[in-house]
Amino acid sequence: SAYGIMAGRIANRVAEMAENMTFVERPQVQPQAPAAEPHMINGKKQPRKLEIRLQNSAPDDVSFSAPFLDNTLAKMLSLQQRMLKTGADLAKSQDVSEDVKKEHFAQSAELSKIIALICSEKARQGA
């Protein structure tokens, strides 16, 4: 199915990113009642927890915290904006070969697919 393909792609991307990270399984804690005010550290709000949760150790059972998805999506959108500007500059340039231009736009298209996958994961989790 299309969702299975997208989930596989996300899992592959996460695996690539996680090669240099170490994951530690933590026991699940019952959620506490939300505090009236966020905890303050040196006058600043405590940062949101970014995490990837590995559930049943099956390849499909990976979930992401909403802050992780938000942060990743923001970074990907920023990167896409920079790539679009660079692509426009490359398209105007006469000194750049067509192969380089095509490769740049192919990479930009792949980034768009990754952004779509992140958005679909956010929608799936109701984040």
PDB file of N, CA and C in Angstrom:
ATOM      1  N   SER A   1       0.836  -1.189   0.000  1.00  0.00           N
ATOM      2  CA  SER A   1       0.000   0.000   0.000  1.00  0.00           C
ATOM      3  C   SER A   1       0.880   1.251   0.000  1.00  0.00           C
ATOM      4  N   ALA A   2       0.295   2.350  -0.364  1.00  0.00           N
ATOM      5  CA  ALA A   2       1.044   3.612  -0.412  1.00  0.00           C
ATOM      6  C   ALA A   2       1.523   4.003   0.981  1.00  0.00           C
ATOM      7  N   TYR A   3       0.676   3.769   1.993  1.00  0.00           N
ATOM      8  CA  TYR A   3       1.095   4.114   3.351  1.00  0.00           C
ATOM      9  C   TYR A   3       2.281   3.263   3.779  1.00  0.00           C
ATOM     10  N   GLY A   4       2.260   1.990   3.434  1.00  0.00           N
ATOM     11  CA  GLY A   4       3.374   1.106   3.775  1.00  0.00           C
ATOM     12  C   GLY A   4       4.667   1.556   3.139  1.00  0.00           C
ATOM     13  N   ILE A   5       4.590   1.995   1.894  1.00  0.00           N
ATOM     14  CA  ILE A   5       5.776   2.497   1.192  1.00  0.00           C
ATOM     15  C   ILE A   5       6.297   3.746   1.889  1.00  0.00           C
ATOM     16  N   MET A   6       5.376   4.679   2.231  1.00  0.00           N
ATOM     17  CA  MET A   6       5.794   5.910   2.906  1.00  0.00           C
ATOM     18  C   MET A   6       6.390   5.602   4.272  1.00  0.00           C
ATOM     19  N   ALA A   7       5.778   4.680   5.008  1.00  0.00           N
ATOM     20  CA  ALA A   7       6.303   4.323   6.323  1.00  0.00           C
ATOM     21  C   ALA A   7       7.692   3.707   6.188  1.00  0.00           C
ATOM     22  N   GLY A   8       7.879   2.908   5.160  1.00  0.00           N
ATOM     23  CA  GLY A   8       9.196   2.324   4.911  1.00  0.00           C
ATOM     24  C   GLY A   8      10.232   3.377   4.605  1.00  0.00           C
ATOM     25  N   ARG A   9       9.839   4.366   3.809  1.00  0.00           N
ATOM     26  CA  ARG A   9      10.775   5.447   3.479  1.00  0.00           C
ATOM     27  C   ARG A   9      11.155   6.246   4.718  1.00  0.00           C
ATOM     28  N   ILE A  10      10.148   6.547   5.557  1.00  0.00           N
ATOM     29  CA  ILE A  10      10.437   7.277   6.790  1.00  0.00           C
ATOM     30  C   ILE A  10      11.380   6.455   7.659  1.00  0.00           C
ATOM     31  N   ALA A  11      11.101   5.163   7.773  1.00  0.00           N
ATOM     32  CA  ALA A  11      11.953   4.303   8.597  1.00  0.00           C
ATOM     33  C   ALA A  11      13.383   4.276   8.063  1.00  0.00           C
ATOM     34  N   ASN A  12      13.532   4.233   6.742  1.00  0.00           N
ATOM     35  CA  ASN A  12      14.877   4.245   6.153  1.00  0.00           C
ATOM     36  C   ASN A  12      15.591   5.556   6.448  1.00  0.00           C
ATOM     37  N   ARG A  13      14.881   6.677   6.316  1.00  0.00           N
ATOM     38  CA  ARG A  13      15.497   7.976   6.584  1.00  0.00           C
ATOM     39  C   ARG A  13      15.909   8.076   8.053  1.00  0.00           C
ATOM     40  N   VAL A  14      15.024   7.609   8.937  1.00  0.00           N
ATOM     41  CA  VAL A  14      15.328   7.653  10.362  1.00  0.00           C
ATOM     42  C   VAL A  14      16.528   6.765  10.663  1.00  0.00           C
ATOM     43  N   ALA A  15      16.591   5.607  10.023  1.00  0.00           N
ATOM     44  CA  ALA A  15      17.731   4.713  10.238  1.00  0.00           C
ATOM     45  C   ALA A  15      19.027   5.378   9.801  1.00  0.00           C
ATOM     46  N   GLU A  16      18.981   6.102   8.681  1.00  0.00           N
ATOM     47  CA  GLU A  16      20.171   6.812   8.221  1.00  0.00           C
ATOM     48  C   GLU A  16      20.590   7.872   9.230  1.00  0.00           C
ATOM     49  N   MET A  17      19.602   8.623   9.757  1.00  0.00           N
ATOM     50  CA  MET A  17      19.915   9.673  10.724  1.00  0.00           C
ATOM     51  C   MET A  17      20.395   9.079  12.041  1.00  0.00           C
ATOM     52  N   ALA A  18      19.890   7.908  12.383  1.00  0.00           N
ATOM     53  CA  ALA A  18      20.170   7.330  13.692  1.00  0.00           C
ATOM     54  C   ALA A  18      21.467   6.539  13.751  1.00  0.00           C
ATOM     55  N   GLU A  19      22.178   6.430  12.656  1.00  0.00           N
ATOM     56  CA  GLU A  19      23.413   5.654  12.664  1.00  0.00           C
ATOM     57  C   GLU A  19      24.398   6.156  13.712  1.00  0.00           C
ATOM     58  N   ASN A  20      24.381   7.439  13.970  1.00  0.00           N
ATOM     59  CA  ASN A  20      25.328   8.006  14.929  1.00  0.00           C
ATOM     60  C   ASN A  20      24.698   8.272  16.292  1.00  0.00           C
ATOM     61  N   MET A  21      23.505   7.747  16.516  1.00  0.00           N
ATOM     62  CA  MET A  21      22.823   7.969  17.789  1.00  0.00           C
ATOM     63  C   MET A  21      22.681   6.646  18.530  1.00  0.00           C
ATOM     64  N   THR A  22      22.545   6.737  19.828  1.00  0.00           N
ATOM     65  CA  THR A  22      22.283   5.563  20.651  1.00  0.00           C
ATOM     66  C   THR A  22      20.915   5.747  21.289  1.00  0.00           C
ATOM     67  N   PHE A  23      20.064   4.737  21.153  1.00  0.00           N
ATOM     68  CA  PHE A  23      18.732   4.791  21.737  1.00  0.00           C
ATOM     69  C   PHE A  23      18.703   3.926  22.990  1.00  0.00           C
ATOM     70  N   VAL A  24      18.043   4.415  24.011  1.00  0.00           N
ATOM     71  CA  VAL A  24      17.904   3.674  25.255  1.00  0.00           C
ATOM     72  C   VAL A  24      16.419   3.524  25.522  1.00  0.00           C
ATOM     73  N   GLU A  25      15.980   2.289  25.733  1.00  0.00           N
ATOM     74  CA  GLU A  25      14.574   2.074  26.055  1.00  0.00           C
ATOM     75  C   GLU A  25      14.334   2.488  27.494  1.00  0.00           C
ATOM     76  N   ARG A  26      13.272   3.237  27.698  1.00  0.00           N
ATOM     77  CA  ARG A  26      12.921   3.691  29.036  1.00  0.00           C
ATOM     78  C   ARG A  26      11.567   3.101  29.403  1.00  0.00           C
ATOM     79  N   PRO A  27      11.364   2.792  30.674  1.00  0.00           N
ATOM     80  CA  PRO A  27      10.042   2.291  31.069  1.00  0.00           C
ATOM     81  C   PRO A  27       9.003   3.387  30.861  1.00  0.00           C
ATOM     82  N   GLN A  28       7.805   2.954  30.462  1.00  0.00           N
ATOM     83  CA  GLN A  28       6.751   3.935  30.227  1.00  0.00           C
ATOM     84  C   GLN A  28       6.228   4.440  31.561  1.00  0.00           C
ATOM     85  N   VAL A  29       6.079   5.736  31.648  1.00  0.00           N
ATOM     86  CA  VAL A  29       5.620   6.389  32.866  1.00  0.00           C
ATOM     87  C   VAL A  29       4.203   6.877  32.624  1.00  0.00           C
ATOM     88  N   GLN A  30       3.355   6.742  33.631  1.00  0.00           N
ATOM     89  CA  GLN A  30       1.992   7.240  33.511  1.00  0.00           C
ATOM     90  C   GLN A  30       2.029   8.755  33.387  1.00  0.00           C
ATOM     91  N   PRO A  31       1.290   9.322  32.426  1.00  0.00           N
ATOM     92  CA  PRO A  31       1.331  10.782  32.277  1.00  0.00           C
ATOM     93  C   PRO A  31       0.756  11.472  33.511  1.00  0.00           C
ATOM     94  N   GLN A  32       1.427  12.543  33.892  1.00  0.00           N
ATOM     95  CA  GLN A  32       0.973  13.323  35.031  1.00  0.00           C
ATOM     96  C   GLN A  32       0.042  14.414  34.535  1.00  0.00           C
ATOM     97  N   ALA A  33      -0.727  14.958  35.450  1.00  0.00           N
ATOM     98  CA  ALA A  33      -1.606  16.066  35.088  1.00  0.00           C
ATOM     99  C   ALA A  33      -0.742  17.237  34.645  1.00  0.00           C
ATOM    100  N   PRO A  34      -1.118  17.911  33.550  1.00  0.00           N
ATOM    101  CA  PRO A  34      -0.290  19.022  33.086  1.00  0.00           C
ATOM    102  C   PRO A  34      -0.239  20.139  34.118  1.00  0.00           C
ATOM    103  N   ALA A  35       0.929  20.697  34.270  1.00  0.00           N
ATOM    104  CA  ALA A  35       1.118  21.791  35.223  1.00  0.00           C
ATOM    105  C   ALA A  35       0.473  23.059  34.680  1.00  0.00           C
ATOM    106  N   ALA A  36       0.128  23.951  35.586  1.00  0.00           N
ATOM    107  CA  ALA A  36      -0.504  25.200  35.174  1.00  0.00           C
ATOM    108  C   ALA A  36       0.453  26.038  34.334  1.00  0.00           C
ATOM    109  N   GLU A  37       1.741  26.060  34.722  1.00  0.00           N
ATOM    110  CA  GLU A  37       2.737  26.812  33.972  1.00  0.00           C
ATOM    111  C   GLU A  37       3.897  25.895  33.624  1.00  0.00           C
ATOM    112  N   PRO A  38       4.496  26.064  32.445  1.00  0.00           N
ATOM    113  CA  PRO A  38       5.664  25.244  32.116  1.00  0.00           C
ATOM    114  C   PRO A  38       6.806  25.537  33.079  1.00  0.00           C
ATOM    115  N   HIS A  39       7.640  24.531  33.305  1.00  0.00           N
ATOM    116  CA  HIS A  39       8.783  24.714  34.191  1.00  0.00           C
ATOM    117  C   HIS A  39       9.723  25.751  33.590  1.00  0.00           C
ATOM    118  N   MET A  40      10.252  26.588  34.455  1.00  0.00           N
ATOM    119  CA  MET A  40      11.158  27.628  33.999  1.00  0.00           C
ATOM    120  C   MET A  40      12.586  27.256  34.385  1.00  0.00           C
ATOM    121  N   ILE A  41      13.505  27.444  33.451  1.00  0.00           N
ATOM    122  CA  ILE A  41      14.926  27.228  33.711  1.00  0.00           C
ATOM    123  C   ILE A  41      15.637  28.518  33.347  1.00  0.00           C
ATOM    124  N   ASN A  42      16.230  29.161  34.339  1.00  0.00           N
ATOM    125  CA  ASN A  42      16.937  30.432  34.132  1.00  0.00           C
ATOM    126  C   ASN A  42      16.070  31.451  33.395  1.00  0.00           C
ATOM    127  N   GLY A  43      14.787  31.513  33.754  1.00  0.00           N
ATOM    128  CA  GLY A  43      13.901  32.497  33.146  1.00  0.00           C
ATOM    129  C   GLY A  43      13.373  32.102  31.778  1.00  0.00           C
ATOM    130  N   LYS A  44      13.716  30.905  31.302  1.00  0.00           N
ATOM    131  CA  LYS A  44      13.238  30.451  29.996  1.00  0.00           C
ATOM    132  C   LYS A  44      12.398  29.198  30.181  1.00  0.00           C
ATOM    133  N   LYS A  45      11.461  28.984  29.242  1.00  0.00           N
ATOM    134  CA  LYS A  45      10.671  27.763  29.294  1.00  0.00           C
ATOM    135  C   LYS A  45      11.561  26.567  28.992  1.00  0.00           C
ATOM    136  N   GLN A  46      11.270  25.457  29.645  1.00  0.00           N
ATOM    137  CA  GLN A  46      12.021  24.232  29.395  1.00  0.00           C
ATOM    138  C   GLN A  46      11.708  23.755  27.974  1.00  0.00           C
ATOM    139  N   PRO A  47      12.725  23.322  27.217  1.00  0.00           N
ATOM    140  CA  PRO A  47      12.469  22.889  25.844  1.00  0.00           C
ATOM    141  C   PRO A  47      11.611  21.630  25.812  1.00  0.00           C
ATOM    142  N   ARG A  48      10.851  21.497  24.712  1.00  0.00           N
ATOM    143  CA  ARG A  48      10.023  20.310  24.556  1.00  0.00           C
ATOM    144  C   ARG A  48      10.908  19.097  24.306  1.00  0.00           C
ATOM    145  N   LYS A  49      10.431  17.952  24.715  1.00  0.00           N
ATOM    146  CA  LYS A  49      11.213  16.724  24.575  1.00  0.00           C
ATOM    147  C   LYS A  49      11.052  16.187  23.155  1.00  0.00           C
ATOM    148  N   LEU A  50      12.183  16.002  22.481  1.00  0.00           N
ATOM    149  CA  LEU A  50      12.178  15.436  21.142  1.00  0.00           C
ATOM    150  C   LEU A  50      12.557  13.974  21.269  1.00  0.00           C
ATOM    151  N   GLU A  51      11.701  13.085  20.773  1.00  0.00           N
ATOM    152  CA  GLU A  51      12.039  11.678  20.910  1.00  0.00           C
ATOM    153  C   GLU A  51      11.441  10.838  19.799  1.00  0.00           C
ATOM    154  N   ILE A  52      12.088   9.712  19.588  1.00  0.00           N
ATOM    155  CA  ILE A  52      11.597   8.679  18.689  1.00  0.00           C
ATOM    156  C   ILE A  52      11.277   7.493  19.582  1.00  0.00           C
ATOM    157  N   ARG A  53      10.052   6.973  19.489  1.00  0.00           N
ATOM    158  CA  ARG A  53       9.666   5.850  20.332  1.00  0.00           C
ATOM    159  C   ARG A  53       9.652   4.568  19.504  1.00  0.00           C
ATOM    160  N   LEU A  54      10.447   3.590  19.932  1.00  0.00           N
ATOM    161  CA  LEU A  54      10.478   2.276  19.298  1.00  0.00           C
ATOM    162  C   LEU A  54       9.604   1.365  20.143  1.00  0.00           C
ATOM    163  N   GLN A  55       8.475   0.906  19.563  1.00  0.00           N
ATOM    164  CA  GLN A  55       7.510   0.201  20.397  1.00  0.00           C
ATOM    165  C   GLN A  55       7.750  -1.304  20.441  1.00  0.00           C
ATOM    166  N   ASN A  56       7.269  -2.046  19.510  1.00  0.00           N
ATOM    167  CA  ASN A  56       7.348  -3.507  19.591  1.00  0.00           C
ATOM    168  C   ASN A  56       8.531  -4.078  18.840  1.00  0.00           C
ATOM    169  N   SER A  57       9.504  -3.287  18.558  1.00  0.00           N
ATOM    170  CA  SER A  57      10.718  -3.660  17.833  1.00  0.00           C
ATOM    171  C   SER A  57      10.444  -4.194  16.432  1.00  0.00           C
ATOM    172  N   ALA A  58       9.240  -3.991  15.926  1.00  0.00           N
ATOM    173  CA  ALA A  58       8.949  -4.318  14.532  1.00  0.00           C
ATOM    174  C   ALA A  58       9.308  -3.094  13.698  1.00  0.00           C
ATOM    175  N   PRO A  59       9.717  -3.291  12.449  1.00  0.00           N
ATOM    176  CA  PRO A  59      10.157  -2.145  11.641  1.00  0.00           C
ATOM    177  C   PRO A  59       9.086  -1.071  11.470  1.00  0.00           C
ATOM    178  N   ASP A  60       7.802  -1.477  11.506  1.00  0.00           N
ATOM    179  CA  ASP A  60       6.722  -0.510  11.276  1.00  0.00           C
ATOM    180  C   ASP A  60       6.291   0.204  12.549  1.00  0.00           C
ATOM    181  N   ASP A  61       6.696  -0.289  13.716  1.00  0.00           N
ATOM    182  CA  ASP A  61       6.202   0.241  14.976  1.00  0.00           C
ATOM    183  C   ASP A  61       7.113   1.318  15.546  1.00  0.00           C
ATOM    184  N   VAL A  62       7.347   2.347  14.763  1.00  0.00           N
ATOM    185  CA  VAL A  62       8.139   3.487  15.210  1.00  0.00           C
ATOM    186  C   VAL A  62       7.199   4.676  15.248  1.00  0.00           C
ATOM    187  N   SER A  63       7.191   5.390  16.365  1.00  0.00           N
ATOM    188  CA  SER A  63       6.386   6.606  16.420  1.00  0.00           C
ATOM    189  C   SER A  63       7.276   7.750  16.877  1.00  0.00           C
ATOM    190  N   PHE A  64       6.855   8.938  16.542  1.00  0.00           N
ATOM    191  CA  PHE A  64       7.650  10.128  16.809  1.00  0.00           C
ATOM    192  C   PHE A  64       6.838  11.066  17.678  1.00  0.00           C
ATOM    193  N   SER A  65       7.499  11.751  18.602  1.00  0.00           N
ATOM    194  CA  SER A  65       6.787  12.731  19.416  1.00  0.00           C
ATOM    195  C   SER A  65       6.411  13.916  18.523  1.00  0.00           C
ATOM    196  N   ALA A  66       5.327  14.594  18.899  1.00  0.00           N
ATOM    197  CA  ALA A  66       4.884  15.756  18.120  1.00  0.00           C
ATOM    198  C   ALA A  66       5.975  16.823  18.026  1.00  0.00           C
ATOM    199  N   PRO A  67       6.702  17.126  19.112  1.00  0.00           N
ATOM    200  CA  PRO A  67       7.780  18.116  18.988  1.00  0.00           C
ATOM    201  C   PRO A  67       8.873  17.679  18.017  1.00  0.00           C
ATOM    202  N   PHE A  68       9.180  16.371  17.992  1.00  0.00           N
ATOM    203  CA  PHE A  68      10.186  15.863  17.059  1.00  0.00           C
ATOM    204  C   PHE A  68       9.727  16.104  15.622  1.00  0.00           C
ATOM    205  N   LEU A  69       8.457  15.784  15.339  1.00  0.00           N
ATOM    206  CA  LEU A  69       7.935  15.989  13.987  1.00  0.00           C
ATOM    207  C   LEU A  69       7.908  17.471  13.633  1.00  0.00           C
ATOM    208  N   ASP A  70       7.481  18.314  14.576  1.00  0.00           N
ATOM    209  CA  ASP A  70       7.428  19.757  14.319  1.00  0.00           C
ATOM    210  C   ASP A  70       8.817  20.311  14.024  1.00  0.00           C
ATOM    211  N   ASN A  71       9.785  19.917  14.833  1.00  0.00           N
ATOM    212  CA  ASN A  71      11.154  20.400  14.671  1.00  0.00           C
ATOM    213  C   ASN A  71      11.739  19.929  13.341  1.00  0.00           C
ATOM    214  N   THR A  72      11.545  18.654  13.036  1.00  0.00           N
ATOM    215  CA  THR A  72      12.064  18.103  11.782  1.00  0.00           C
ATOM    216  C   THR A  72      11.407  18.776  10.587  1.00  0.00           C
ATOM    217  N   LEU A  73      10.091  18.964  10.653  1.00  0.00           N
ATOM    218  CA  LEU A  73       9.375  19.603   9.552  1.00  0.00           C
ATOM    219  C   LEU A  73       9.857  21.034   9.351  1.00  0.00           C
ATOM    220  N   ALA A  74      10.055  21.778  10.428  1.00  0.00           N
ATOM    221  CA  ALA A  74      10.533  23.160  10.309  1.00  0.00           C
ATOM    222  C   ALA A  74      11.902  23.201   9.638  1.00  0.00           C
ATOM    223  N   LYS A  75      12.789  22.281  10.033  1.00  0.00           N
ATOM    224  CA  LYS A  75      14.121  22.252   9.431  1.00  0.00           C
ATOM    225  C   LYS A  75      14.059  21.860   7.961  1.00  0.00           C
ATOM    226  N   MET A  76      13.199  20.905   7.628  1.00  0.00           N
ATOM    227  CA  MET A  76      13.072  20.475   6.234  1.00  0.00           C
ATOM    228  C   MET A  76      12.488  21.592   5.365  1.00  0.00           C
ATOM    229  N   LEU A  77      11.510  22.319   5.893  1.00  0.00           N
ATOM    230  CA  LEU A  77      10.929  23.424   5.129  1.00  0.00           C
ATOM    231  C   LEU A  77      11.949  24.535   4.910  1.00  0.00           C
ATOM    232  N   SER A  78      12.770  24.795   5.915  1.00  0.00           N
ATOM    233  CA  SER A  78      13.833  25.790   5.766  1.00  0.00           C
ATOM    234  C   SER A  78      14.829  25.348   4.697  1.00  0.00           C
ATOM    235  N   LEU A  79      15.204  24.080   4.738  1.00  0.00           N
ATOM    236  CA  LEU A  79      16.122  23.540   3.735  1.00  0.00           C
ATOM    237  C   LEU A  79      15.506  23.607   2.346  1.00  0.00           C
ATOM    238  N   GLN A  80      14.214  23.291   2.241  1.00  0.00           N
ATOM    239  CA  GLN A  80      13.548  23.343   0.942  1.00  0.00           C
ATOM    240  C   GLN A  80      13.551  24.770   0.396  1.00  0.00           C
ATOM    241  N   GLN A  81      13.307  25.745   1.257  1.00  0.00           N
ATOM    242  CA  GLN A  81      13.319  27.144   0.820  1.00  0.00           C
ATOM    243  C   GLN A  81      14.686  27.523   0.265  1.00  0.00           C
ATOM    244  N   ARG A  82      15.751  27.118   0.974  1.00  0.00           N
ATOM    245  CA  ARG A  82      17.107  27.402   0.493  1.00  0.00           C
ATOM    246  C   ARG A  82      17.381  26.692  -0.828  1.00  0.00           C
ATOM    247  N   MET A  83      16.909  25.457  -0.947  1.00  0.00           N
ATOM    248  CA  MET A  83      17.138  24.707  -2.185  1.00  0.00           C
ATOM    249  C   MET A  83      16.394  25.341  -3.363  1.00  0.00           C
ATOM    250  N   LEU A  84      15.196  25.854  -3.106  1.00  0.00           N
ATOM    251  CA  LEU A  84      14.444  26.505  -4.180  1.00  0.00           C
ATOM    252  C   LEU A  84      15.147  27.775  -4.653  1.00  0.00           C
ATOM    253  N   LYS A  85      15.687  28.540  -3.712  1.00  0.00           N
ATOM    254  CA  LYS A  85      16.435  29.745  -4.093  1.00  0.00           C
ATOM    255  C   LYS A  85      17.678  29.376  -4.890  1.00  0.00           C
ATOM    256  N   THR A  86      18.400  28.355  -4.420  1.00  0.00           N
ATOM    257  CA  THR A  86      19.594  27.904  -5.135  1.00  0.00           C
ATOM    258  C   THR A  86      19.224  27.376  -6.512  1.00  0.00           C
ATOM    259  N   GLY A  87      18.120  26.642  -6.591  1.00  0.00           N
ATOM    260  CA  GLY A  87      17.665  26.110  -7.875  1.00  0.00           C
ATOM    261  C   GLY A  87      17.336  27.211  -8.863  1.00  0.00           C
ATOM    262  N   ALA A  88      16.707  28.273  -8.368  1.00  0.00           N
ATOM    263  CA  ALA A  88      16.395  29.402  -9.245  1.00  0.00           C
ATOM    264  C   ALA A  88      17.676  30.053  -9.753  1.00  0.00           C
ATOM    265  N   ASP A  89      18.667  30.188  -8.871  1.00  0.00           N
ATOM    266  CA  ASP A  89      19.958  30.751  -9.289  1.00  0.00           C
ATOM    267  C   ASP A  89      20.651  29.847 -10.302  1.00  0.00           C
ATOM    268  N   LEU A  90      20.594  28.545 -10.072  1.00  0.00           N
ATOM    269  CA  LEU A  90      21.208  27.598 -11.013  1.00  0.00           C
ATOM    270  C   LEU A  90      20.522  27.648 -12.376  1.00  0.00           C
ATOM    271  N   ALA A  91      19.199  27.765 -12.361  1.00  0.00           N
ATOM    272  CA  ALA A  91      18.451  27.795 -13.617  1.00  0.00           C
ATOM    273  C   ALA A  91      18.819  29.021 -14.451  1.00  0.00           C
ATOM    274  N   LYS A  92      19.105  30.141 -13.786  1.00  0.00           N
ATOM    275  CA  LYS A  92      19.478  31.368 -14.497  1.00  0.00           C
ATOM    276  C   LYS A  92      20.908  31.320 -15.022  1.00  0.00           C
ATOM    277  N   SER A  93      21.750  30.544 -14.355  1.00  0.00           N
ATOM    278  CA  SER A  93      23.175  30.525 -14.686  1.00  0.00           C
ATOM    279  C   SER A  93      23.437  29.771 -15.985  1.00  0.00           C
ATOM    280  N   GLN A  94      24.277  30.355 -16.817  1.00  0.00           N
ATOM    281  CA  GLN A  94      24.674  29.715 -18.072  1.00  0.00           C
ATOM    282  C   GLN A  94      25.906  28.833 -17.879  1.00  0.00           C
ATOM    283  N   ASP A  95      26.604  29.004 -16.754  1.00  0.00           N
ATOM    284  CA  ASP A  95      27.855  28.283 -16.508  1.00  0.00           C
ATOM    285  C   ASP A  95      27.651  26.886 -15.936  1.00  0.00           C
ATOM    286  N   VAL A  96      26.418  26.537 -15.591  1.00  0.00           N
ATOM    287  CA  VAL A  96      26.145  25.261 -14.933  1.00  0.00           C
ATOM    288  C   VAL A  96      25.568  24.285 -15.953  1.00  0.00           C
ATOM    289  N   SER A  97      26.075  23.056 -15.926  1.00  0.00           N
ATOM    290  CA  SER A  97      25.607  22.055 -16.895  1.00  0.00           C
ATOM    291  C   SER A  97      24.170  21.632 -16.580  1.00  0.00           C
ATOM    292  N   GLU A  98      23.505  21.133 -17.601  1.00  0.00           N
ATOM    293  CA  GLU A  98      22.122  20.678 -17.441  1.00  0.00           C
ATOM    294  C   GLU A  98      22.036  19.502 -16.469  1.00  0.00           C
ATOM    295  N   ASP A  99      23.061  18.658 -16.454  1.00  0.00           N
ATOM    296  CA  ASP A  99      23.062  17.512 -15.541  1.00  0.00           C
ATOM    297  C   ASP A  99      23.046  17.970 -14.085  1.00  0.00           C
ATOM    298  N   VAL A 100      23.822  19.004 -13.779  1.00  0.00           N
ATOM    299  CA  VAL A 100      23.858  19.529 -12.411  1.00  0.00           C
ATOM    300  C   VAL A 100      22.500  20.121 -12.053  1.00  0.00           C
ATOM    301  N   LYS A 101      21.903  20.843 -12.985  1.00  0.00           N
ATOM    302  CA  LYS A 101      20.583  21.431 -12.737  1.00  0.00           C
ATOM    303  C   LYS A 101      19.547  20.339 -12.492  1.00  0.00           C
ATOM    304  N   LYS A 102      19.561  19.305 -13.334  1.00  0.00           N
ATOM    305  CA  LYS A 102      18.593  18.214 -13.176  1.00  0.00           C
ATOM    306  C   LYS A 102      18.783  17.500 -11.845  1.00  0.00           C
ATOM    307  N   GLU A 103      20.026  17.265 -11.456  1.00  0.00           N
ATOM    308  CA  GLU A 103      20.300  16.596 -10.181  1.00  0.00           C
ATOM    309  C   GLU A 103      19.810  17.440  -9.005  1.00  0.00           C
ATOM    310  N   HIS A 104      20.037  18.751  -9.082  1.00  0.00           N
ATOM    311  CA  HIS A 104      19.580  19.628  -8.002  1.00  0.00           C
ATOM    312  C   HIS A 104      18.058  19.569  -7.878  1.00  0.00           C
ATOM    313  N   PHE A 105      17.361  19.632  -8.999  1.00  0.00           N
ATOM    314  CA  PHE A 105      15.902  19.604  -8.944  1.00  0.00           C
ATOM    315  C   PHE A 105      15.384  18.229  -8.534  1.00  0.00           C
ATOM    316  N   ALA A 106      16.107  17.166  -8.870  1.00  0.00           N
ATOM    317  CA  ALA A 106      15.720  15.827  -8.410  1.00  0.00           C
ATOM    318  C   ALA A 106      15.855  15.732  -6.888  1.00  0.00           C
ATOM    319  N   GLN A 107      16.928  16.305  -6.353  1.00  0.00           N
ATOM    320  CA  GLN A 107      17.109  16.308  -4.898  1.00  0.00           C
ATOM    321  C   GLN A 107      16.030  17.146  -4.217  1.00  0.00           C
ATOM    322  N   SER A 108      15.671  18.253  -4.837  1.00  0.00           N
ATOM    323  CA  SER A 108      14.616  19.101  -4.294  1.00  0.00           C
ATOM    324  C   SER A 108      13.281  18.350  -4.288  1.00  0.00           C
ATOM    325  N   ALA A 109      13.027  17.586  -5.350  1.00  0.00           N
ATOM    326  CA  ALA A 109      11.795  16.797  -5.418  1.00  0.00           C
ATOM    327  C   ALA A 109      11.791  15.712  -4.342  1.00  0.00           C
ATOM    328  N   GLU A 110      12.934  15.079  -4.105  1.00  0.00           N
ATOM    329  CA  GLU A 110      13.036  14.063  -3.049  1.00  0.00           C
ATOM    330  C   GLU A 110      12.778  14.684  -1.682  1.00  0.00           C
ATOM    331  N   LEU A 111      13.294  15.887  -1.465  1.00  0.00           N
ATOM    332  CA  LEU A 111      13.044  16.587  -0.205  1.00  0.00           C
ATOM    333  C   LEU A 111      11.548  16.868  -0.038  1.00  0.00           C
ATOM    334  N   SER A 112      10.879  17.234  -1.127  1.00  0.00           N
ATOM    335  CA  SER A 112       9.432  17.470  -1.067  1.00  0.00           C
ATOM    336  C   SER A 112       8.695  16.199  -0.659  1.00  0.00           C
ATOM    337  N   LYS A 113       9.160  15.061  -1.149  1.00  0.00           N
ATOM    338  CA  LYS A 113       8.540  13.785  -0.775  1.00  0.00           C
ATOM    339  C   LYS A 113       8.739  13.506   0.709  1.00  0.00           C
ATOM    340  N   ILE A 114       9.932  13.799   1.214  1.00  0.00           N
ATOM    341  CA  ILE A 114      10.205  13.589   2.640  1.00  0.00           C
ATOM    342  C   ILE A 114       9.308  14.494   3.484  1.00  0.00           C
ATOM    343  N   ILE A 115       9.134  15.735   3.049  1.00  0.00           N
ATOM    344  CA  ILE A 115       8.253  16.664   3.764  1.00  0.00           C
ATOM    345  C   ILE A 115       6.826  16.128   3.765  1.00  0.00           C
ATOM    346  N   ALA A 116       6.386  15.590   2.631  1.00  0.00           N
ATOM    347  CA  ALA A 116       5.044  15.010   2.561  1.00  0.00           C
ATOM    348  C   ALA A 116       4.913  13.819   3.513  1.00  0.00           C
ATOM    349  N   LEU A 117       5.964  13.023   3.623  1.00  0.00           N
ATOM    350  CA  LEU A 117       5.941  11.884   4.545  1.00  0.00           C
ATOM    351  C   LEU A 117       5.828  12.352   5.995  1.00  0.00           C
ATOM    352  N   ILE A 118       6.553  13.405   6.326  1.00  0.00           N
ATOM    353  CA  ILE A 118       6.483  13.937   7.690  1.00  0.00           C
ATOM    354  C   ILE A 118       5.074  14.460   7.972  1.00  0.00           C
ATOM    355  N   CYS A 119       4.500  15.157   7.000  1.00  0.00           N
ATOM    356  CA  CYS A 119       3.133  15.675   7.171  1.00  0.00           C
ATOM    357  C   CYS A 119       2.130  14.530   7.324  1.00  0.00           C
ATOM    358  N   SER A 120       2.304  13.465   6.544  1.00  0.00           N
ATOM    359  CA  SER A 120       1.382  12.332   6.659  1.00  0.00           C
ATOM    360  C   SER A 120       1.535  11.642   8.007  1.00  0.00           C
ATOM    361  N   GLU A 121       2.759  11.573   8.522  1.00  0.00           N
ATOM    362  CA  GLU A 121       2.980  10.980   9.846  1.00  0.00           C
ATOM    363  C   GLU A 121       2.336  11.849  10.925  1.00  0.00           C
ATOM    364  N   LYS A 122       2.445  13.178  10.789  1.00  0.00           N
ATOM    365  CA  LYS A 122       1.788  14.080  11.748  1.00  0.00           C
ATOM    366  C   LYS A 122       0.278  13.865  11.718  1.00  0.00           C
ATOM    367  N   ALA A 123      -0.277  13.733  10.516  1.00  0.00           N
ATOM    368  CA  ALA A 123      -1.718  13.526  10.392  1.00  0.00           C
ATOM    369  C   ALA A 123      -2.122  12.169  10.973  1.00  0.00           C
ATOM    370  N   ARG A 124      -1.301  11.145  10.716  1.00  0.00           N
ATOM    371  CA  ARG A 124      -1.615   9.805  11.212  1.00  0.00           C
ATOM    372  C   ARG A 124      -1.633   9.782  12.735  1.00  0.00           C
ATOM    373  N   GLN A 125      -0.701  10.472  13.351  1.00  0.00           N
ATOM    374  CA  GLN A 125      -0.622  10.488  14.811  1.00  0.00           C
ATOM    375  C   GLN A 125      -1.545  11.527  15.437  1.00  0.00           C
ATOM    376  N   GLY A 126      -2.157  12.358  14.592  1.00  0.00           N
ATOM    377  CA  GLY A 126      -3.026  13.395  15.126  1.00  0.00           C
ATOM    378  C   GLY A 126      -2.260  14.467  15.863  1.00  0.00           C
ATOM    379  N   ALA A 127      -1.002  14.675  15.445  1.00  0.00           N
ATOM    380  CA  ALA A 127      -0.132  15.637  16.145  1.00  0.00           C
ATOM    381  C   ALA A 127      -0.482  17.049  15.768  1.00  0.00           C
TER     382      ALA A 127
END
